[in-house]
C-alpha atoms as a PDB file:
ATOM      1  CA  MET A   1     -36.013   3.577 -29.537  1.00  0.00           C
ATOM      2  CA  PRO A   2     -34.876   0.048 -30.554  1.00  0.00           C
ATOM      3  CA  ARG A   3     -33.960  -0.508 -26.913  1.00  0.00           C
ATOM      4  CA  ASN A   4     -37.529   0.258 -25.848  1.00  0.00           C
ATOM      5  CA  VAL A   5     -38.865  -2.097 -28.510  1.00  0.00           C
ATOM      6  CA  LEU A   6     -36.626  -4.919 -27.277  1.00  0.00           C
ATOM      7  CA  LEU A   7     -37.699  -4.241 -23.699  1.00  0.00           C
ATOM      8  CA  LEU A   8     -41.350  -4.347 -24.730  1.00  0.00           C
ATOM      9  CA  LEU A   9     -40.835  -7.614 -26.630  1.00  0.00           C
ATOM     10  CA  SER A  10     -39.064  -9.192 -23.668  1.00  0.00           C
ATOM     11  CA  ARG A  11     -41.927  -8.144 -21.380  1.00  0.00           C
ATOM     12  CA  LEU A  12     -44.461  -9.635 -23.784  1.00  0.00           C
ATOM     13  CA  LEU A  13     -42.494 -12.903 -23.883  1.00  0.00           C
ATOM     14  CA  LEU A  14     -42.338 -13.021 -20.087  1.00  0.00           C
ATOM     15  CA  ALA A  15     -46.067 -12.319 -19.876  1.00  0.00           C
ATOM     16  CA  ALA A  16     -46.760 -15.075 -22.421  1.00  0.00           C
ATOM     17  CA  LEU A  17     -44.764 -17.485 -20.265  1.00  0.00           C
ATOM     18  CA  PHE A  18     -46.143 -16.510 -16.854  1.00  0.00           C
ATOM     19  CA  VAL A  19     -49.810 -15.756 -17.563  1.00  0.00           C
ATOM     20  CA  PRO A  20     -50.813 -19.290 -18.713  1.00  0.00           C
ATOM     21  CA  SER A  21     -49.043 -20.839 -15.714  1.00  0.00           C
ATOM     22  CA  GLY A  22     -50.869 -18.368 -13.465  1.00  0.00           C
ATOM     23  CA  PHE A  23     -54.222 -19.352 -14.973  1.00  0.00           C
ATOM     24  CA  GLN A  24     -53.320 -23.031 -14.527  1.00  0.00           C
ATOM     25  CA  ALA A  25     -52.464 -22.426 -10.867  1.00  0.00           C
ATOM     26  CA  LEU A  26     -55.759 -20.577 -10.335  1.00  0.00           C
ATOM     27  CA  SER A  27     -57.733 -23.377 -11.999  1.00  0.00           C
ATOM     28  CA  ASP A  28     -55.889 -25.951  -9.863  1.00  0.00           C
ATOM     29  CA  ILE A  29     -56.741 -23.991  -6.710  1.00  0.00           C
ATOM     30  CA  ALA A  30     -60.375 -23.717  -7.813  1.00  0.00           C
ATOM     31  CA  GLY A  31     -60.458 -27.457  -8.568  1.00  0.00           C
ATOM     32  CA  THR A  32     -59.025 -28.440  -5.191  1.00  0.00           C
ATOM     33  CA  ALA A  33     -61.372 -25.996  -3.439  1.00  0.00           C
ATOM     34  CA  GLY A  34     -64.267 -27.650  -5.297  1.00  0.00           C
ATOM     35  CA  TYR A  35     -63.377 -31.029  -3.815  1.00  0.00           C
ATOM     36  CA  PHE A  36     -63.535 -29.647  -0.287  1.00  0.00           C
END
């Protein structure tokens, strides 16, 4: 069970790192599309 908890925590940390960068990339794409 502790192994599953550590795996879940590591997934949450990865999601916390990647999700904001993904939103930033989407907003950048939307911003550049707005210029054209």
